[in-house]
């Protein structure tokens, strides 16, 4: 299930790998992930697919929630692909689409 709200800023909820911006430049301000057992974090990639350049490997924690913030916003010029970690059950991202 994916819920998109592309206001300024936008928010996205996902429970799976996701091409967040369809190749549009996007600035990510924070992400909150809920982890099950195993503690394998997600990868934030610049682009539209799982094979694209990894910008951030998110830290993880077994059976808890973790929020990662980027105060200036982290720019993904070629789009943002959320490569969900194997123990992530859901994630919420706050972002802004660049013009």
C-alpha atoms as a PDB file:
ATOM      1  CA  UNK A   1       0.000   0.000   0.000  1.00  0.00           C
ATOM      2  CA  UNK A   2       1.302   3.458  -0.888  1.00  0.00           C
ATOM      3  CA  UNK A   3      -0.246   6.797   0.034  1.00  0.00           C
ATOM      4  CA  UNK A   4       1.004   9.907  -1.763  1.00  0.00           C
ATOM      5  CA  UNK A   5       0.343  13.509  -0.766  1.00  0.00           C
ATOM      6  CA  UNK A   6       2.374  15.790  -3.020  1.00  0.00           C
ATOM      7  CA  UNK A   7       1.820  19.056  -1.170  1.00  0.00           C
ATOM      8  CA  UNK A   8       4.699  21.229   0.012  1.00  0.00           C
ATOM      9  CA  UNK A   9       6.206  19.401   1.742  1.00  0.00           C
ATOM     10  CA  UNK A  10       4.895  16.050   0.584  1.00  0.00           C
ATOM     11  CA  UNK A  11       4.649  12.905   2.629  1.00  0.00           C
ATOM     12  CA  UNK A  12       4.780   9.310   1.482  1.00  0.00           C
ATOM     13  CA  UNK A  13       3.923   6.138   3.361  1.00  0.00           C
ATOM     14  CA  UNK A  14       5.118   2.810   1.977  1.00  0.00           C
ATOM     15  CA  UNK A  15       5.433  -0.823   2.951  1.00  0.00           C
ATOM     16  CA  UNK A  16       7.623  -1.899  -0.007  1.00  0.00           C
ATOM     17  CA  UNK A  17      10.403  -0.777  -2.382  1.00  0.00           C
ATOM     18  CA  UNK A  18       9.265   2.398  -4.114  1.00  0.00           C
ATOM     19  CA  UNK A  19      10.280   4.774  -6.915  1.00  0.00           C
ATOM     20  CA  UNK A  20       9.349   7.827  -4.857  1.00  0.00           C
ATOM     21  CA  UNK A  21       9.598  10.609  -7.432  1.00  0.00           C
ATOM     22  CA  UNK A  22       9.543   9.062 -10.912  1.00  0.00           C
ATOM     23  CA  UNK A  23      12.948  10.533 -11.755  1.00  0.00           C
ATOM     24  CA  UNK A  24      12.095  14.054 -10.584  1.00  0.00           C
ATOM     25  CA  UNK A  25      14.595  15.788  -8.319  1.00  0.00           C
ATOM     26  CA  UNK A  26      13.477  15.540  -4.708  1.00  0.00           C
ATOM     27  CA  UNK A  27      14.795  16.752  -1.355  1.00  0.00           C
ATOM     28  CA  UNK A  28      14.266  14.406   1.613  1.00  0.00           C
ATOM     29  CA  UNK A  29      13.916  16.004   5.064  1.00  0.00           C
ATOM     30  CA  UNK A  30      13.211  12.985   7.241  1.00  0.00           C
ATOM     31  CA  UNK A  31      12.288   9.341   7.173  1.00  0.00           C
ATOM     32  CA  UNK A  32      10.769   7.219   9.934  1.00  0.00           C
ATOM     33  CA  UNK A  33      11.057   3.448   9.625  1.00  0.00           C
ATOM     34  CA  UNK A  34       9.388   0.723  11.687  1.00  0.00           C
ATOM     35  CA  UNK A  35      11.492  -2.429  12.058  1.00  0.00           C
ATOM     36  CA  UNK A  36      10.532  -5.991  12.809  1.00  0.00           C
ATOM     37  CA  UNK A  37      13.053  -8.628  13.847  1.00  0.00           C
ATOM     38  CA  UNK A  38      16.404  -8.655  12.091  1.00  0.00           C
ATOM     39  CA  UNK A  39      17.461  -4.995  12.006  1.00  0.00           C
ATOM     40  CA  UNK A  40      18.388  -4.610   8.317  1.00  0.00           C
ATOM     41  CA  UNK A  41      18.040  -0.958   7.290  1.00  0.00           C
ATOM     42  CA  UNK A  42      16.916   0.526   3.986  1.00  0.00           C
ATOM     43  CA  UNK A  43      18.989   2.166   1.271  1.00  0.00           C
ATOM     44  CA  UNK A  44      18.092   5.543  -0.253  1.00  0.00           C
ATOM     45  CA  UNK A  45      19.189   5.608  -3.903  1.00  0.00           C
ATOM     46  CA  UNK A  46      19.613   8.439  -6.401  1.00  0.00           C
ATOM     47  CA  UNK A  47      17.533   7.339  -9.382  1.00  0.00           C
ATOM     48  CA  UNK A  48      14.523   5.166 -10.110  1.00  0.00           C
ATOM     49  CA  UNK A  49      15.668   1.577  -9.492  1.00  0.00           C
ATOM     50  CA  UNK A  50      17.291  -0.710  -6.933  1.00  0.00           C
ATOM     51  CA  UNK A  51      20.562  -0.771  -8.907  1.00  0.00           C
ATOM     52  CA  UNK A  52      21.074   3.006  -8.857  1.00  0.00           C
ATOM     53  CA  UNK A  53      23.709   4.832  -6.773  1.00  0.00           C
ATOM     54  CA  UNK A  54      23.262   4.397  -3.022  1.00  0.00           C
ATOM     55  CA  UNK A  55      23.327   7.777  -1.238  1.00  0.00           C
ATOM     56  CA  UNK A  56      22.427   6.634   2.296  1.00  0.00           C
ATOM     57  CA  UNK A  57      22.396   3.281   4.110  1.00  0.00           C
ATOM     58  CA  UNK A  58      20.016   3.839   7.009  1.00  0.00           C
ATOM     59  CA  UNK A  59      20.881   2.618  10.472  1.00  0.00           C
ATOM     60  CA  UNK A  60      18.475   0.091  11.900  1.00  0.00           C
ATOM     61  CA  UNK A  61      17.308  -1.198  15.235  1.00  0.00           C
ATOM     62  CA  UNK A  62      15.672  -4.530  16.020  1.00  0.00           C
ATOM     63  CA  UNK A  63      11.896  -4.317  16.655  1.00  0.00           C
ATOM     64  CA  UNK A  64      11.566  -0.542  17.050  1.00  0.00           C
ATOM     65  CA  UNK A  65      11.094   2.704  15.116  1.00  0.00           C
ATOM     66  CA  UNK A  66      13.926   4.970  13.965  1.00  0.00           C
ATOM     67  CA  UNK A  67      13.696   8.542  12.634  1.00  0.00           C
ATOM     68  CA  UNK A  68      16.517   9.954  10.515  1.00  0.00           C
ATOM     69  CA  UNK A  69      16.465  13.714   9.821  1.00  0.00           C
ATOM     70  CA  UNK A  70      18.319  15.831   7.278  1.00  0.00           C
ATOM     71  CA  UNK A  71      17.969  19.456   8.449  1.00  0.00           C
ATOM     72  CA  UNK A  72      18.815  21.044   5.075  1.00  0.00           C
ATOM     73  CA  UNK A  73      17.163  18.280   3.127  1.00  0.00           C
ATOM     74  CA  UNK A  74      19.145  15.637   1.238  1.00  0.00           C
ATOM     75  CA  UNK A  75      18.946  16.250  -2.520  1.00  0.00           C
ATOM     76  CA  UNK A  76      18.389  13.347  -4.912  1.00  0.00           C
ATOM     77  CA  UNK A  77      18.861  15.054  -8.317  1.00  0.00           C
ATOM     78  CA  UNK A  78      17.871  12.008 -10.413  1.00  0.00           C
ATOM     79  CA  UNK A  79      14.936  10.955  -8.250  1.00  0.00           C
ATOM     80  CA  UNK A  80      14.643   8.919  -5.055  1.00  0.00           C
ATOM     81  CA  UNK A  81      14.319   5.149  -4.940  1.00  0.00           C
ATOM     82  CA  UNK A  82      13.490   3.671  -1.533  1.00  0.00           C
ATOM     83  CA  UNK A  83      15.128   0.225  -1.350  1.00  0.00           C
ATOM     84  CA  UNK A  84      13.401  -1.248   1.691  1.00  0.00           C
ATOM     85  CA  UNK A  85      15.487  -3.292   4.130  1.00  0.00           C
ATOM     86  CA  UNK A  86      14.370  -6.842   4.781  1.00  0.00           C
ATOM     87  CA  UNK A  87      13.273  -6.130   8.365  1.00  0.00           C
ATOM     88  CA  UNK A  88      11.449  -2.836   7.606  1.00  0.00           C
ATOM     89  CA  UNK A  89       7.682  -3.131   7.930  1.00  0.00           C
ATOM     90  CA  UNK A  90       6.802   0.446   6.918  1.00  0.00           C
ATOM     91  CA  UNK A  91       8.285   3.888   6.319  1.00  0.00           C
ATOM     92  CA  UNK A  92       7.087   7.489   6.212  1.00  0.00           C
ATOM     93  CA  UNK A  93       9.095  10.139   4.322  1.00  0.00           C
ATOM     94  CA  UNK A  94       8.750  13.929   4.389  1.00  0.00           C
ATOM     95  CA  UNK A  95      10.078  15.528   1.221  1.00  0.00           C
ATOM     96  CA  UNK A  96       9.834  18.351  -1.306  1.00  0.00           C
ATOM     97  CA  UNK A  97       9.817  18.000  -5.071  1.00  0.00           C
ATOM     98  CA  UNK A  98      12.294  20.389  -6.715  1.00  0.00           C
ATOM     99  CA  UNK A  99      11.234  22.563  -9.665  1.00  0.00           C
END
